[in-house]
């Protein structure tokens, strides 16, 4: 009887252990950059950064990432390292996009385990 119960117990424990493991999905931010004529902008520098809201301000920068737009005018940022399972949220970040003398700004809220998207328009 013990010879049958031990393997069954091991199978039940392993099944319960596998079902409780949740794999974390990607947390991505895609920023699209367009010019004043609504045309896509390739090669623009996009910076995502957190703004300190503490009073008095503490000199701590948790997020400051830079990427360049591709041929579709999109810069991609991966925040899998910042988001941890069970965390309430990820971040609200400022956006700065620039190409030569054209600049644009915006804000993006990064939701966990989603592809977050925002469009920034740059102009002189």
PDB file of N, CA and C in Angstrom:
ATOM      1  N   UNK A   1       0.810  -1.189   0.000  1.00  0.00           N
ATOM      2  CA  UNK A   1       0.000   0.000   0.000  1.00  0.00           C
ATOM      3  C   UNK A   1       0.859   1.262   0.000  1.00  0.00           C
ATOM      4  N   UNK A   2       1.940   1.262   0.828  1.00  0.00           N
ATOM      5  CA  UNK A   2       2.828   2.417   0.868  1.00  0.00           C
ATOM      6  C   UNK A   2       3.515   2.629  -0.475  1.00  0.00           C
ATOM      7  N   UNK A   3       3.775   1.535  -1.182  1.00  0.00           N
ATOM      8  CA  UNK A   3       4.450   1.641  -2.474  1.00  0.00           C
ATOM      9  C   UNK A   3       3.576   2.368  -3.497  1.00  0.00           C
ATOM     10  N   UNK A   4       2.295   2.315  -3.350  1.00  0.00           N
ATOM     11  CA  UNK A   4       1.379   2.995  -4.277  1.00  0.00           C
ATOM     12  C   UNK A   4       1.155   4.444  -3.843  1.00  0.00           C
ATOM     13  N   UNK A   5       1.046   4.692  -2.544  1.00  0.00           N
ATOM     14  CA  UNK A   5       0.747   6.031  -2.041  1.00  0.00           C
ATOM     15  C   UNK A   5       1.893   7.015  -2.248  1.00  0.00           C
ATOM     16  N   UNK A   6       3.114   6.575  -2.116  1.00  0.00           N
ATOM     17  CA  UNK A   6       4.259   7.486  -2.267  1.00  0.00           C
ATOM     18  C   UNK A   6       4.336   8.054  -3.683  1.00  0.00           C
ATOM     19  N   UNK A   7       4.271   7.253  -4.749  1.00  0.00           N
ATOM     20  CA  UNK A   7       4.301   7.842  -6.092  1.00  0.00           C
ATOM     21  C   UNK A   7       3.096   8.745  -6.369  1.00  0.00           C
ATOM     22  N   UNK A   8       1.927   8.376  -5.873  1.00  0.00           N
ATOM     23  CA  UNK A   8       0.735   9.212  -6.079  1.00  0.00           C
ATOM     24  C   UNK A   8       0.920  10.553  -5.371  1.00  0.00           C
ATOM     25  N   UNK A   9       1.440  10.540  -4.161  1.00  0.00           N
ATOM     26  CA  UNK A   9       1.679  11.774  -3.413  1.00  0.00           C
ATOM     27  C   UNK A   9       2.687  12.658  -4.144  1.00  0.00           C
ATOM     28  N   UNK A  10       3.726  12.067  -4.691  1.00  0.00           N
ATOM     29  CA  UNK A  10       4.722  12.840  -5.441  1.00  0.00           C
ATOM     30  C   UNK A  10       4.110  13.467  -6.691  1.00  0.00           C
ATOM     31  N   UNK A  11       3.257  12.742  -7.376  1.00  0.00           N
ATOM     32  CA  UNK A  11       2.601  13.281  -8.578  1.00  0.00           C
ATOM     33  C   UNK A  11       1.690  14.444  -8.215  1.00  0.00           C
ATOM     34  N   UNK A  12       0.916  14.300  -7.147  1.00  0.00           N
ATOM     35  CA  UNK A  12       0.012  15.372  -6.720  1.00  0.00           C
ATOM     36  C   UNK A  12       0.805  16.616  -6.330  1.00  0.00           C
ATOM     37  N   UNK A  13       1.872  16.462  -5.589  1.00  0.00           N
ATOM     38  CA  UNK A  13       2.696  17.601  -5.164  1.00  0.00           C
ATOM     39  C   UNK A  13       3.319  18.293  -6.380  1.00  0.00           C
ATOM     40  N   UNK A  14       3.808  17.526  -7.344  1.00  0.00           N
ATOM     41  CA  UNK A  14       4.435  18.136  -8.520  1.00  0.00           C
ATOM     42  C   UNK A  14       3.410  18.861  -9.383  1.00  0.00           C
ATOM     43  N   UNK A  15       2.197  18.332  -9.503  1.00  0.00           N
ATOM     44  CA  UNK A  15       1.146  19.009 -10.280  1.00  0.00           C
ATOM     45  C   UNK A  15       0.741  20.311  -9.601  1.00  0.00           C
ATOM     46  N   UNK A  16       0.574  20.292  -8.296  1.00  0.00           N
ATOM     47  CA  UNK A  16       0.225  21.504  -7.563  1.00  0.00           C
ATOM     48  C   UNK A  16       1.337  22.538  -7.663  1.00  0.00           C
ATOM     49  N   UNK A  17       2.568  22.102  -7.615  1.00  0.00           N
ATOM     50  CA  UNK A  17       3.704  23.018  -7.727  1.00  0.00           C
ATOM     51  C   UNK A  17       3.779  23.666  -9.097  1.00  0.00           C
ATOM     52  N   UNK A  18       3.482  22.917 -10.156  1.00  0.00           N
ATOM     53  CA  UNK A  18       3.537  23.473 -11.504  1.00  0.00           C
ATOM     54  C   UNK A  18       2.409  24.457 -11.752  1.00  0.00           C
ATOM     55  N   UNK A  19       1.240  24.220 -11.220  1.00  0.00           N
ATOM     56  CA  UNK A  19       0.109  25.101 -11.483  1.00  0.00           C
ATOM     57  C   UNK A  19       0.223  26.418 -10.727  1.00  0.00           C
ATOM     58  N   UNK A  20       1.009  26.465  -9.656  1.00  0.00           N
ATOM     59  CA  UNK A  20       1.121  27.694  -8.886  1.00  0.00           C
ATOM     60  C   UNK A  20       2.188  28.641  -9.433  1.00  0.00           C
ATOM     61  N   UNK A  21       2.996  28.202 -10.389  1.00  0.00           N
ATOM     62  CA  UNK A  21       4.024  29.049 -10.976  1.00  0.00           C
ATOM     63  C   UNK A  21       3.430  29.838 -12.129  1.00  0.00           C
ATOM     64  N   UNK A  22       3.431  31.150 -12.024  1.00  0.00           N
ATOM     65  CA  UNK A  22       2.922  32.003 -13.085  1.00  0.00           C
ATOM     66  C   UNK A  22       4.105  32.661 -13.766  1.00  0.00           C
ATOM     67  N   UNK A  23       4.175  32.495 -15.080  1.00  0.00           N
ATOM     68  CA  UNK A  23       5.251  33.121 -15.821  1.00  0.00           C
ATOM     69  C   UNK A  23       4.879  34.571 -16.082  1.00  0.00           C
ATOM     70  N   UNK A  24       5.816  35.449 -15.860  1.00  0.00           N
ATOM     71  CA  UNK A  24       5.606  36.873 -16.037  1.00  0.00           C
ATOM     72  C   UNK A  24       5.598  37.215 -17.527  1.00  0.00           C
ATOM     73  N   UNK A  25       4.572  37.936 -17.974  1.00  0.00           N
ATOM     74  CA  UNK A  25       4.503  38.400 -19.364  1.00  0.00           C
ATOM     75  C   UNK A  25       5.350  39.665 -19.505  1.00  0.00           C
ATOM     76  N   UNK A  26       5.664  40.017 -20.754  1.00  0.00           N
ATOM     77  CA  UNK A  26       6.511  41.187 -21.016  1.00  0.00           C
ATOM     78  C   UNK A  26       5.806  42.489 -20.663  1.00  0.00           C
ATOM     79  N   UNK A  27       6.574  43.422 -20.131  1.00  0.00           N
ATOM     80  CA  UNK A  27       6.119  44.787 -19.862  1.00  0.00           C
ATOM     81  C   UNK A  27       6.919  45.689 -20.800  1.00  0.00           C
ATOM     82  N   UNK A  28       6.255  46.168 -21.850  1.00  0.00           N
ATOM     83  CA  UNK A  28       6.920  46.893 -22.937  1.00  0.00           C
ATOM     84  C   UNK A  28       6.326  48.290 -23.068  1.00  0.00           C
ATOM     85  N   UNK A  29       7.159  49.260 -23.421  1.00  0.00           N
ATOM     86  CA  UNK A  29       6.702  50.605 -23.767  1.00  0.00           C
ATOM     87  C   UNK A  29       7.162  50.900 -25.196  1.00  0.00           C
ATOM     88  N   UNK A  30       6.209  51.182 -26.071  1.00  0.00           N
ATOM     89  CA  UNK A  30       6.503  51.586 -27.447  1.00  0.00           C
ATOM     90  C   UNK A  30       6.142  53.052 -27.605  1.00  0.00           C
ATOM     91  N   UNK A  31       7.118  53.853 -28.003  1.00  0.00           N
ATOM     92  CA  UNK A  31       6.899  55.276 -28.225  1.00  0.00           C
ATOM     93  C   UNK A  31       7.005  55.535 -29.719  1.00  0.00           C
ATOM     94  N   UNK A  32       5.958  56.116 -30.284  1.00  0.00           N
ATOM     95  CA  UNK A  32       5.934  56.475 -31.704  1.00  0.00           C
ATOM     96  C   UNK A  32       6.212  57.969 -31.819  1.00  0.00           C
ATOM     97  N   UNK A  33       7.109  58.327 -32.726  1.00  0.00           N
ATOM     98  CA  UNK A  33       7.463  59.735 -32.908  1.00  0.00           C
ATOM     99  C   UNK A  33       7.027  60.161 -34.306  1.00  0.00           C
ATOM    100  N   UNK A  34       6.304  61.275 -34.345  1.00  0.00           N
ATOM    101  CA  UNK A  34       5.824  61.850 -35.605  1.00  0.00           C
ATOM    102  C   UNK A  34       6.160  63.339 -35.622  1.00  0.00           C
ATOM    103  N   UNK A  35       6.283  63.884 -36.828  1.00  0.00           N
ATOM    104  CA  UNK A  35       6.597  65.310 -36.940  1.00  0.00           C
ATOM    105  C   UNK A  35       5.308  66.117 -37.071  1.00  0.00           C
ATOM    106  N   UNK A  36       5.446  67.427 -37.290  1.00  0.00           N
ATOM    107  CA  UNK A  36       4.278  68.309 -37.347  1.00  0.00           C
ATOM    108  C   UNK A  36       3.355  67.992 -38.526  1.00  0.00           C
ATOM    109  N   UNK A  37       3.851  67.289 -39.540  1.00  0.00           N
ATOM    110  CA  UNK A  37       3.031  66.856 -40.670  1.00  0.00           C
ATOM    111  C   UNK A  37       2.477  65.449 -40.495  1.00  0.00           C
ATOM    112  N   UNK A  38       2.603  64.863 -39.311  1.00  0.00           N
ATOM    113  CA  UNK A  38       2.140  63.525 -38.955  1.00  0.00           C
ATOM    114  C   UNK A  38       2.930  62.415 -39.658  1.00  0.00           C
ATOM    115  N   UNK A  39       4.101  62.722 -40.174  1.00  0.00           N
ATOM    116  CA  UNK A  39       4.958  61.712 -40.801  1.00  0.00           C
ATOM    117  C   UNK A  39       5.812  61.042 -39.730  1.00  0.00           C
ATOM    118  N   UNK A  40       6.092  59.736 -39.925  1.00  0.00           N
ATOM    119  CA  UNK A  40       6.935  59.031 -38.959  1.00  0.00           C
ATOM    120  C   UNK A  40       8.343  59.605 -38.997  1.00  0.00           C
ATOM    121  N   UNK A  41       9.016  59.577 -37.850  1.00  0.00           N
ATOM    122  CA  UNK A  41      10.363  60.141 -37.725  1.00  0.00           C
ATOM    123  C   UNK A  41      11.322  59.012 -37.373  1.00  0.00           C
ATOM    124  N   UNK A  42      12.243  58.724 -38.271  1.00  0.00           N
ATOM    125  CA  UNK A  42      13.257  57.694 -38.041  1.00  0.00           C
ATOM    126  C   UNK A  42      14.508  58.337 -37.455  1.00  0.00           C
ATOM    127  N   UNK A  43      15.133  57.653 -36.498  1.00  0.00           N
ATOM    128  CA  UNK A  43      16.395  58.110 -35.922  1.00  0.00           C
ATOM    129  C   UNK A  43      16.268  59.148 -34.833  1.00  0.00           C
ATOM    130  N   UNK A  44      15.050  59.377 -34.337  1.00  0.00           N
ATOM    131  CA  UNK A  44      14.866  60.327 -33.234  1.00  0.00           C
ATOM    132  C   UNK A  44      15.297  59.683 -31.922  1.00  0.00           C
ATOM    133  N   UNK A  45      15.906  60.471 -31.061  1.00  0.00           N
ATOM    134  CA  UNK A  45      16.297  59.992 -29.743  1.00  0.00           C
ATOM    135  C   UNK A  45      15.102  60.144 -28.805  1.00  0.00           C
ATOM    136  N   UNK A  46      14.738  59.043 -28.143  1.00  0.00           N
ATOM    137  CA  UNK A  46      13.617  59.044 -27.204  1.00  0.00           C
ATOM    138  C   UNK A  46      14.160  58.691 -25.827  1.00  0.00           C
ATOM    139  N   UNK A  47      13.836  59.530 -24.847  1.00  0.00           N
ATOM    140  CA  UNK A  47      14.268  59.308 -23.467  1.00  0.00           C
ATOM    141  C   UNK A  47      13.030  59.154 -22.589  1.00  0.00           C
ATOM    142  N   UNK A  48      12.994  58.067 -21.825  1.00  0.00           N
ATOM    143  CA  UNK A  48      11.950  57.866 -20.810  1.00  0.00           C
ATOM    144  C   UNK A  48      12.611  58.022 -19.449  1.00  0.00           C
ATOM    145  N   UNK A  49      12.018  58.855 -18.598  1.00  0.00           N
ATOM    146  CA  UNK A  49      12.627  59.096 -17.293  1.00  0.00           C
ATOM    147  C   UNK A  49      11.566  59.392 -16.257  1.00  0.00           C
ATOM    148  N   UNK A  50      11.876  59.044 -15.031  1.00  0.00           N
ATOM    149  CA  UNK A  50      10.979  59.312 -13.916  1.00  0.00           C
ATOM    150  C   UNK A  50      11.254  60.676 -13.335  1.00  0.00           C
ATOM    151  N   UNK A  51      10.206  61.345 -12.879  1.00  0.00           N
ATOM    152  CA  UNK A  51      10.332  62.640 -12.224  1.00  0.00           C
ATOM    153  C   UNK A  51      10.080  62.454 -10.740  1.00  0.00           C
ATOM    154  N   UNK A  52      10.976  62.978  -9.928  1.00  0.00           N
ATOM    155  CA  UNK A  52      10.869  62.851  -8.487  1.00  0.00           C
ATOM    156  C   UNK A  52       9.746  63.749  -7.974  1.00  0.00           C
ATOM    157  N   UNK A  53       8.811  63.159  -7.215  1.00  0.00           N
ATOM    158  CA  UNK A  53       7.686  63.928  -6.674  1.00  0.00           C
ATOM    159  C   UNK A  53       7.766  64.110  -5.165  1.00  0.00           C
ATOM    160  N   UNK A  54       8.879  63.701  -4.564  1.00  0.00           N
ATOM    161  CA  UNK A  54       9.014  63.856  -3.116  1.00  0.00           C
ATOM    162  C   UNK A  54       9.326  65.303  -2.776  1.00  0.00           C
ATOM    163  N   UNK A  55       8.876  65.724  -1.592  1.00  0.00           N
ATOM    164  CA  UNK A  55       9.143  67.080  -1.145  1.00  0.00           C
ATOM    165  C   UNK A  55       9.755  67.011   0.241  1.00  0.00           C
ATOM    166  N   UNK A  56      10.980  67.388   0.485  1.00  0.00           N
ATOM    167  CA  UNK A  56      11.923  67.935  -0.482  1.00  0.00           C
ATOM    168  C   UNK A  56      12.442  66.851  -1.424  1.00  0.00           C
ATOM    169  N   UNK A  57      12.832  67.237  -2.632  1.00  0.00           N
ATOM    170  CA  UNK A  57      13.284  66.253  -3.612  1.00  0.00           C
ATOM    171  C   UNK A  57      14.534  65.501  -3.178  1.00  0.00           C
ATOM    172  N   UNK A  58      14.525  64.219  -3.441  1.00  0.00           N
ATOM    173  CA  UNK A  58      15.675  63.365  -3.179  1.00  0.00           C
ATOM    174  C   UNK A  58      16.342  63.100  -4.519  1.00  0.00           C
ATOM    175  N   UNK A  59      17.647  63.180  -4.572  1.00  0.00           N
ATOM    176  CA  UNK A  59      18.372  62.996  -5.829  1.00  0.00           C
ATOM    177  C   UNK A  59      18.516  61.511  -6.139  1.00  0.00           C
ATOM    178  N   UNK A  60      17.415  60.909  -6.615  1.00  0.00           N
ATOM    179  CA  UNK A  60      17.399  59.495  -6.939  1.00  0.00           C
ATOM    180  C   UNK A  60      16.675  59.325  -8.264  1.00  0.00           C
ATOM    181  N   UNK A  61      17.348  58.778  -9.261  1.00  0.00           N
ATOM    182  CA  UNK A  61      16.737  58.536 -10.561  1.00  0.00           C
ATOM    183  C   UNK A  61      16.570  57.037 -10.708  1.00  0.00           C
ATOM    184  N   UNK A  62      15.325  56.576 -10.643  1.00  0.00           N
ATOM    185  CA  UNK A  62      15.053  55.149 -10.722  1.00  0.00           C
ATOM    186  C   UNK A  62      15.048  54.661 -12.166  1.00  0.00           C
ATOM    187  N   UNK A  63      14.530  55.475 -13.084  1.00  0.00           N
ATOM    188  CA  UNK A  63      14.426  55.083 -14.494  1.00  0.00           C
ATOM    189  C   UNK A  63      14.932  56.221 -15.367  1.00  0.00           C
ATOM    190  N   UNK A  64      15.852  55.896 -16.251  1.00  0.00           N
ATOM    191  CA  UNK A  64      16.331  56.852 -17.258  1.00  0.00           C
ATOM    192  C   UNK A  64      16.848  56.009 -18.420  1.00  0.00           C
ATOM    193  N   UNK A  65      16.010  55.840 -19.442  1.00  0.00           N
ATOM    194  CA  UNK A  65      16.343  54.975 -20.572  1.00  0.00           C
ATOM    195  C   UNK A  65      16.294  55.761 -21.869  1.00  0.00           C
ATOM    196  N   UNK A  66      17.187  55.401 -22.792  1.00  0.00           N
ATOM    197  CA  UNK A  66      17.264  56.054 -24.098  1.00  0.00           C
ATOM    198  C   UNK A  66      17.219  55.008 -25.195  1.00  0.00           C
ATOM    199  N   UNK A  67      16.458  55.314 -26.261  1.00  0.00           N
ATOM    200  CA  UNK A  67      16.401  54.460 -27.450  1.00  0.00           C
ATOM    201  C   UNK A  67      16.181  55.369 -28.659  1.00  0.00           C
ATOM    202  N   UNK A  68      16.425  54.827 -29.841  1.00  0.00           N
ATOM    203  CA  UNK A  68      16.235  55.578 -31.080  1.00  0.00           C
ATOM    204  C   UNK A  68      15.126  54.930 -31.893  1.00  0.00           C
ATOM    205  N   UNK A  69      14.360  55.762 -32.601  1.00  0.00           N
ATOM    206  CA  UNK A  69      13.253  55.247 -33.382  1.00  0.00           C
ATOM    207  C   UNK A  69      13.751  54.489 -34.609  1.00  0.00           C
ATOM    208  N   UNK A  70      12.989  53.464 -34.982  1.00  0.00           N
ATOM    209  CA  UNK A  70      13.308  52.664 -36.172  1.00  0.00           C
ATOM    210  C   UNK A  70      12.630  53.273 -37.400  1.00  0.00           C
ATOM    211  N   UNK A  71      12.600  52.538 -38.508  1.00  0.00           N
ATOM    212  CA  UNK A  71      12.018  53.047 -39.750  1.00  0.00           C
ATOM    213  C   UNK A  71      10.521  53.312 -39.623  1.00  0.00           C
ATOM    214  N   UNK A  72       9.873  52.657 -38.670  1.00  0.00           N
ATOM    215  CA  UNK A  72       8.440  52.883 -38.439  1.00  0.00           C
ATOM    216  C   UNK A  72       8.190  54.015 -37.445  1.00  0.00           C
ATOM    217  N   UNK A  73       9.258  54.681 -37.003  1.00  0.00           N
ATOM    218  CA  UNK A  73       9.123  55.777 -36.043  1.00  0.00           C
ATOM    219  C   UNK A  73       8.858  55.305 -34.632  1.00  0.00           C
ATOM    220  N   UNK A  74       9.242  54.071 -34.306  1.00  0.00           N
ATOM    221  CA  UNK A  74       8.949  53.494 -32.998  1.00  0.00           C
ATOM    222  C   UNK A  74      10.235  53.203 -32.218  1.00  0.00           C
ATOM    223  N   UNK A  75      10.248  53.611 -30.963  1.00  0.00           N
ATOM    224  CA  UNK A  75      11.321  53.255 -30.026  1.00  0.00           C
ATOM    225  C   UNK A  75      10.714  52.318 -28.989  1.00  0.00           C
ATOM    226  N   UNK A  76      11.412  51.217 -28.699  1.00  0.00           N
ATOM    227  CA  UNK A  76      10.888  50.200 -27.790  1.00  0.00           C
ATOM    228  C   UNK A  76      11.735  50.118 -26.530  1.00  0.00           C
ATOM    229  N   UNK A  77      11.045  50.033 -25.392  1.00  0.00           N
ATOM    230  CA  UNK A  77      11.686  49.911 -24.084  1.00  0.00           C
ATOM    231  C   UNK A  77      11.105  48.691 -23.386  1.00  0.00           C
ATOM    232  N   UNK A  78      11.964  47.877 -22.781  1.00  0.00           N
ATOM    233  CA  UNK A  78      11.533  46.672 -22.080  1.00  0.00           C
ATOM    234  C   UNK A  78      11.715  46.896 -20.581  1.00  0.00           C
ATOM    235  N   UNK A  79      10.622  46.759 -19.820  1.00  0.00           N
ATOM    236  CA  UNK A  79      10.660  46.984 -18.371  1.00  0.00           C
ATOM    237  C   UNK A  79      10.406  45.704 -17.582  1.00  0.00           C
ATOM    238  N   UNK A  80      10.807  44.566 -18.136  1.00  0.00           N
ATOM    239  CA  UNK A  80      10.660  43.299 -17.410  1.00  0.00           C
ATOM    240  C   UNK A  80      11.498  43.280 -16.134  1.00  0.00           C
ATOM    241  N   UNK A  81      12.632  43.943 -16.136  1.00  0.00           N
ATOM    242  CA  UNK A  81      13.502  43.946 -14.953  1.00  0.00           C
ATOM    243  C   UNK A  81      12.943  44.810 -13.819  1.00  0.00           C
ATOM    244  N   UNK A  82      12.157  45.812 -14.173  1.00  0.00           N
ATOM    245  CA  UNK A  82      11.602  46.700 -13.147  1.00  0.00           C
ATOM    246  C   UNK A  82      10.363  46.092 -12.508  1.00  0.00           C
ATOM    247  N   UNK A  83       9.488  45.494 -13.327  1.00  0.00           N
ATOM    248  CA  UNK A  83       8.230  44.940 -12.810  1.00  0.00           C
ATOM    249  C   UNK A  83       8.458  43.569 -12.188  1.00  0.00           C
ATOM    250  N   UNK A  84       7.912  43.376 -11.002  1.00  0.00           N
ATOM    251  CA  UNK A  84       7.944  42.090 -10.301  1.00  0.00           C
ATOM    252  C   UNK A  84       6.514  41.623 -10.090  1.00  0.00           C
ATOM    253  N   UNK A  85       6.271  40.314 -10.219  1.00  0.00           N
ATOM    254  CA  UNK A  85       4.930  39.774 -10.017  1.00  0.00           C
ATOM    255  C   UNK A  85       4.377  40.199  -8.666  1.00  0.00           C
ATOM    256  N   UNK A  86       3.112  40.602  -8.659  1.00  0.00           N
ATOM    257  CA  UNK A  86       2.467  41.030  -7.432  1.00  0.00           C
ATOM    258  C   UNK A  86       2.589  42.517  -7.172  1.00  0.00           C
ATOM    259  N   UNK A  87       3.408  43.202  -7.926  1.00  0.00           N
ATOM    260  CA  UNK A  87       3.598  44.639  -7.775  1.00  0.00           C
ATOM    261  C   UNK A  87       2.340  45.357  -8.255  1.00  0.00           C
ATOM    262  N   UNK A  88       1.937  46.428  -7.586  1.00  0.00           N
ATOM    263  CA  UNK A  88       0.689  47.133  -7.914  1.00  0.00           C
ATOM    264  C   UNK A  88       0.747  47.832  -9.266  1.00  0.00           C
ATOM    265  N   UNK A  89       1.857  48.389  -9.645  1.00  0.00           N
ATOM    266  CA  UNK A  89       2.010  49.090 -10.915  1.00  0.00           C
ATOM    267  C   UNK A  89       3.471  49.144 -11.271  1.00  0.00           C
ATOM    268  N   UNK A  90       3.792  49.803 -12.367  1.00  0.00           N
ATOM    269  CA  UNK A  90       5.187  49.881 -12.770  1.00  0.00           C
ATOM    270  C   UNK A  90       5.690  51.305 -12.618  1.00  0.00           C
ATOM    271  N   UNK A  91       5.223  52.216 -13.475  1.00  0.00           N
ATOM    272  CA  UNK A  91       5.728  53.586 -13.413  1.00  0.00           C
ATOM    273  C   UNK A  91       4.896  54.508 -14.291  1.00  0.00           C
ATOM    274  N   UNK A  92       4.975  55.793 -13.996  1.00  0.00           N
ATOM    275  CA  UNK A  92       4.506  56.847 -14.888  1.00  0.00           C
ATOM    276  C   UNK A  92       5.762  57.625 -15.251  1.00  0.00           C
ATOM    277  N   UNK A  93       6.070  57.662 -16.548  1.00  0.00           N
ATOM    278  CA  UNK A  93       7.338  58.231 -16.993  1.00  0.00           C
ATOM    279  C   UNK A  93       7.123  59.405 -17.940  1.00  0.00           C
ATOM    280  N   UNK A  94       8.038  60.351 -17.878  1.00  0.00           N
ATOM    281  CA  UNK A  94       8.067  61.455 -18.827  1.00  0.00           C
ATOM    282  C   UNK A  94       8.760  60.987 -20.094  1.00  0.00           C
ATOM    283  N   UNK A  95       8.339  61.544 -21.225  1.00  0.00           N
ATOM    284  CA  UNK A  95       8.923  61.224 -22.522  1.00  0.00           C
ATOM    285  C   UNK A  95       9.518  62.492 -23.108  1.00  0.00           C
ATOM    286  N   UNK A  96      10.718  62.371 -23.640  1.00  0.00           N
ATOM    287  CA  UNK A  96      11.319  63.460 -24.404  1.00  0.00           C
ATOM    288  C   UNK A  96      11.832  62.856 -25.704  1.00  0.00           C
ATOM    289  N   UNK A  97      11.389  63.411 -26.821  1.00  0.00           N
ATOM    290  CA  UNK A  97      11.826  62.947 -28.135  1.00  0.00           C
ATOM    291  C   UNK A  97      12.484  64.118 -28.856  1.00  0.00           C
ATOM    292  N   UNK A  98      13.589  63.817 -29.557  1.00  0.00           N
ATOM    293  CA  UNK A  98      14.321  64.888 -30.215  1.00  0.00           C
ATOM    294  C   UNK A  98      15.031  64.374 -31.459  1.00  0.00           C
ATOM    295  N   UNK A  99      14.979  65.189 -32.514  1.00  0.00           N
ATOM    296  CA  UNK A  99      15.753  64.952 -33.726  1.00  0.00           C
ATOM    297  C   UNK A  99      16.168  66.312 -34.246  1.00  0.00           C
ATOM    298  N   UNK A 100      17.482  66.562 -34.208  1.00  0.00           N
ATOM    299  CA  UNK A 100      18.048  67.853 -34.595  1.00  0.00           C
ATOM    300  C   UNK A 100      17.382  68.963 -33.801  1.00  0.00           C
ATOM    301  N   UNK A 101      16.702  69.918 -34.464  1.00  0.00           N
ATOM    302  CA  UNK A 101      16.116  71.047 -33.740  1.00  0.00           C
ATOM    303  C   UNK A 101      14.649  70.816 -33.384  1.00  0.00           C
ATOM    304  N   UNK A 102      14.127  69.613 -33.623  1.00  0.00           N
ATOM    305  CA  UNK A 102      12.729  69.306 -33.319  1.00  0.00           C
ATOM    306  C   UNK A 102      12.646  68.538 -32.005  1.00  0.00           C
ATOM    307  N   UNK A 103      11.738  69.003 -31.126  1.00  0.00           N
ATOM    308  CA  UNK A 103      11.607  68.405 -29.797  1.00  0.00           C
ATOM    309  C   UNK A 103      10.124  68.198 -29.490  1.00  0.00           C
ATOM    310  N   UNK A 104       9.833  67.121 -28.751  1.00  0.00           N
ATOM    311  CA  UNK A 104       8.477  66.867 -28.277  1.00  0.00           C
ATOM    312  C   UNK A 104       8.532  66.204 -26.924  1.00  0.00           C
ATOM    313  N   UNK A 105       7.437  66.346 -26.169  1.00  0.00           N
ATOM    314  CA  UNK A 105       7.373  65.766 -24.835  1.00  0.00           C
ATOM    315  C   UNK A 105       6.028  65.097 -24.617  1.00  0.00           C
ATOM    316  N   UNK A 106       5.980  64.210 -23.639  1.00  0.00           N
ATOM    317  CA  UNK A 106       4.737  63.534 -23.287  1.00  0.00           C
ATOM    318  C   UNK A 106       4.899  62.752 -22.009  1.00  0.00           C
ATOM    319  N   UNK A 107       3.884  61.976 -21.676  1.00  0.00           N
ATOM    320  CA  UNK A 107       3.874  61.139 -20.476  1.00  0.00           C
ATOM    321  C   UNK A 107       3.289  59.789 -20.861  1.00  0.00           C
ATOM    322  N   UNK A 108       3.819  58.723 -20.258  1.00  0.00           N
ATOM    323  CA  UNK A 108       3.280  57.387 -20.478  1.00  0.00           C
ATOM    324  C   UNK A 108       3.152  56.672 -19.139  1.00  0.00           C
ATOM    325  N   UNK A 109       2.032  55.997 -18.967  1.00  0.00           N
ATOM    326  CA  UNK A 109       1.818  55.156 -17.792  1.00  0.00           C
ATOM    327  C   UNK A 109       2.142  53.728 -18.203  1.00  0.00           C
ATOM    328  N   UNK A 110       3.098  53.108 -17.522  1.00  0.00           N
ATOM    329  CA  UNK A 110       3.520  51.750 -17.829  1.00  0.00           C
ATOM    330  C   UNK A 110       2.685  50.780 -16.987  1.00  0.00           C
ATOM    331  N   UNK A 111       1.816  50.035 -17.652  1.00  0.00           N
ATOM    332  CA  UNK A 111       0.995  49.027 -16.989  1.00  0.00           C
ATOM    333  C   UNK A 111       1.742  47.696 -17.020  1.00  0.00           C
ATOM    334  N   UNK A 112       1.645  46.908 -15.952  1.00  0.00           N
ATOM    335  CA  UNK A 112       2.379  45.642 -15.901  1.00  0.00           C
ATOM    336  C   UNK A 112       1.866  44.621 -16.907  1.00  0.00           C
ATOM    337  N   UNK A 113       2.802  43.870 -17.474  1.00  0.00           N
ATOM    338  CA  UNK A 113       2.532  42.751 -18.369  1.00  0.00           C
ATOM    339  C   UNK A 113       1.665  43.144 -19.564  1.00  0.00           C
ATOM    340  N   UNK A 114       1.924  44.340 -20.107  1.00  0.00           N
ATOM    341  CA  UNK A 114       1.209  44.829 -21.276  1.00  0.00           C
ATOM    342  C   UNK A 114       2.176  45.516 -22.218  1.00  0.00           C
ATOM    343  N   UNK A 115       1.707  45.733 -23.458  1.00  0.00           N
ATOM    344  CA  UNK A 115       2.437  46.579 -24.389  1.00  0.00           C
ATOM    345  C   UNK A 115       1.792  47.954 -24.293  1.00  0.00           C
ATOM    346  N   UNK A 116       2.527  48.901 -23.722  1.00  0.00           N
ATOM    347  CA  UNK A 116       2.049  50.254 -23.506  1.00  0.00           C
ATOM    348  C   UNK A 116       2.540  51.124 -24.652  1.00  0.00           C
ATOM    349  N   UNK A 117       1.653  51.950 -25.213  1.00  0.00           N
ATOM    350  CA  UNK A 117       2.023  52.748 -26.382  1.00  0.00           C
ATOM    351  C   UNK A 117       1.627  54.207 -26.191  1.00  0.00           C
ATOM    352  N   UNK A 118       2.460  55.088 -26.747  1.00  0.00           N
ATOM    353  CA  UNK A 118       2.193  56.516 -26.713  1.00  0.00           C
ATOM    354  C   UNK A 118       2.827  57.140 -27.948  1.00  0.00           C
ATOM    355  N   UNK A 119       2.212  58.217 -28.452  1.00  0.00           N
ATOM    356  CA  UNK A 119       2.746  58.936 -29.609  1.00  0.00           C
ATOM    357  C   UNK A 119       3.168  60.318 -29.167  1.00  0.00           C
ATOM    358  N   UNK A 120       4.353  60.743 -29.612  1.00  0.00           N
ATOM    359  CA  UNK A 120       4.880  62.063 -29.318  1.00  0.00           C
ATOM    360  C   UNK A 120       5.091  62.793 -30.653  1.00  0.00           C
ATOM    361  N   UNK A 121       4.635  64.025 -30.712  1.00  0.00           N
ATOM    362  CA  UNK A 121       4.832  64.842 -31.906  1.00  0.00           C
ATOM    363  C   UNK A 121       5.971  65.814 -31.645  1.00  0.00           C
ATOM    364  N   UNK A 122       6.917  65.863 -32.573  1.00  0.00           N
ATOM    365  CA  UNK A 122       8.044  66.780 -32.423  1.00  0.00           C
ATOM    366  C   UNK A 122       7.885  67.915 -33.425  1.00  0.00           C
ATOM    367  N   UNK A 123       8.341  69.094 -33.025  1.00  0.00           N
ATOM    368  CA  UNK A 123       8.284  70.276 -33.896  1.00  0.00           C
ATOM    369  C   UNK A 123       9.384  71.231 -33.497  1.00  0.00           C
ATOM    370  N   UNK A 124       9.724  72.133 -34.419  1.00  0.00           N
ATOM    371  CA  UNK A 124      10.819  73.088 -34.110  1.00  0.00           C
ATOM    372  C   UNK A 124      10.433  74.064 -33.023  1.00  0.00           C
TER     373      UNK A 124
END
